[in-house]
Amino acid sequence: MVCIYYTMTYKPFIAGPKYDLNTNPNLIPKNVWIGLRSQIINNPDGTVSIKFWIDQGRTGNWVLAAEAIDDGKTYGKGVISIPGYAGLRTDFMDVKFDDYQMTKL
């Protein structure tokens, strides 16, 4: 099975030097917990709203890091609007996850 991933939005939210393969290959700080929170809402017009927050250092200060609207055309064919599709993916870095949970609003 071939999976195609779409970048729906891009917004740097962690300050630091720019990416460089040799001198700065990781843009995510090492040994720092970063809280991740997302909210997915089916809109009445058939689109899906996606919002993503971070809490750098587990301070309780959640910051909206990115948001996008999936219209079913721009990012592939159709939206995923039924429950049960969720997950976490990381590329090029070993990470640990703690307290992963999904909650229906």
Protein backbone atom coordinates (compact mmCIF):
# COMPACT_ATOMS: atom_id res chain seq x y z
CA MET A 1 0.00 0.00 0.00
CA VAL A 2 1.31 3.44 -0.93
CA CYS A 3 0.59 6.32 1.45
CA ILE A 4 0.65 9.88 0.22
CA TYR A 5 1.12 12.60 2.82
CA TYR A 6 0.14 16.22 2.23
CA THR A 7 1.56 19.28 3.97
CA MET A 8 -1.58 21.32 4.65
CA THR A 9 0.22 24.20 6.32
CA TYR A 10 3.69 25.04 7.52
CA LYS A 11 4.55 27.46 10.29
CA PRO A 12 7.79 27.28 12.31
CA PHE A 13 7.01 27.63 16.02
CA ILE A 14 10.26 26.74 17.79
CA ALA A 15 12.90 29.46 17.70
CA GLY A 16 16.43 28.52 16.77
CA PRO A 17 18.91 28.32 13.93
CA LYS A 18 17.78 27.29 10.45
CA TYR A 19 18.02 23.69 9.30
CA ASP A 20 21.41 22.57 8.03
CA LEU A 21 22.16 18.92 7.28
CA ASN A 22 25.61 19.09 8.91
CA THR A 23 25.41 21.73 11.63
CA ASN A 24 21.70 21.70 12.66
CA PRO A 25 19.94 18.53 11.44
CA ASN A 26 17.18 18.68 14.11
CA LEU A 27 14.73 21.56 14.42
CA ILE A 28 13.04 20.01 17.45
CA PRO A 29 14.91 20.55 20.75
CA LYS A 30 16.35 17.41 22.33
CA ASN A 31 15.44 16.28 25.86
CA VAL A 32 12.50 18.70 26.16
CA TRP A 33 8.92 17.54 26.53
CA ILE A 34 6.59 19.17 24.03
CA GLY A 35 2.86 18.81 24.55
CA LEU A 36 0.83 18.24 21.37
CA ARG A 37 -2.90 18.82 21.08
CA SER A 38 -5.10 18.73 18.02
CA GLN A 39 -8.74 19.42 17.34
CA ILE A 40 -10.58 18.03 14.33
CA ILE A 41 -14.08 19.34 13.56
CA ASN A 42 -16.45 18.33 10.77
CA ASN A 43 -17.96 21.55 9.40
CA PRO A 44 -21.56 21.82 8.12
CA ASP A 45 -20.28 22.50 4.56
CA GLY A 46 -18.46 19.12 4.42
CA THR A 47 -14.97 20.50 5.07
CA VAL A 48 -12.87 19.52 8.07
CA SER A 49 -11.13 22.06 10.35
CA ILE A 50 -7.81 21.00 11.84
CA LYS A 51 -6.05 22.91 14.63
CA PHE A 52 -2.76 22.01 16.28
CA TRP A 53 -1.36 23.40 19.56
CA ILE A 54 1.96 22.93 21.34
CA ASP A 55 3.07 23.33 24.95
CA GLN A 56 6.86 23.53 24.92
CA GLY A 57 8.37 22.30 28.19
CA ARG A 58 5.04 21.22 29.77
CA THR A 59 4.37 24.70 31.15
CA GLY A 60 0.60 24.62 30.61
CA ASN A 61 0.95 27.45 28.08
CA TRP A 62 -0.72 26.07 24.93
CA VAL A 63 0.01 28.00 21.73
CA LEU A 64 -1.86 27.54 18.45
CA ALA A 65 0.92 26.35 16.15
CA ALA A 66 -0.98 25.65 12.93
CA GLU A 67 -4.45 25.33 11.45
CA ALA A 68 -5.90 24.26 8.13
CA ILE A 69 -9.17 23.46 6.40
CA ASP A 70 -9.44 20.23 4.42
CA ASP A 71 -11.88 20.81 1.58
CA GLY A 72 -11.55 17.34 0.06
CA LYS A 73 -9.93 18.62 -3.14
CA THR A 74 -6.75 20.52 -2.31
CA TYR A 75 -5.06 17.70 -0.36
CA GLY A 76 -6.09 14.54 -2.18
CA LYS A 77 -9.49 13.09 -2.89
CA GLY A 78 -12.06 13.49 -0.14
CA VAL A 79 -11.81 14.34 3.53
CA ILE A 80 -11.49 11.87 6.38
CA SER A 81 -14.61 12.75 8.34
CA ILE A 82 -15.46 9.52 10.14
CA PRO A 83 -14.19 8.69 13.63
CA GLY A 84 -11.31 6.35 14.29
CA TYR A 85 -8.51 7.77 12.16
CA ALA A 86 -5.69 9.14 14.29
CA GLY A 87 -2.03 8.62 14.86
CA LEU A 88 1.37 10.13 15.36
CA ARG A 89 4.21 10.05 12.87
CA THR A 90 7.80 11.15 13.25
CA ASP A 91 10.50 11.17 10.62
CA PHE A 92 14.26 11.18 11.08
CA MET A 93 14.24 11.41 14.88
CA ASP A 94 13.75 8.99 17.78
CA VAL A 95 11.05 10.31 20.09
CA LYS A 96 9.09 9.20 23.16
CA PHE A 97 5.37 9.71 23.67
CA ASP A 98 3.69 10.04 27.06
CA ASP A 99 -0.02 10.20 27.95
CA TYR A 100 -1.30 9.71 24.36
CA GLN A 101 -5.09 9.81 24.33
CA MET A 102 -8.02 10.67 22.11
CA THR A 103 -11.16 12.30 23.43
CA LYS A 104 -14.43 12.93 21.63
CA LEU A 105 -15.59 16.51 22.12
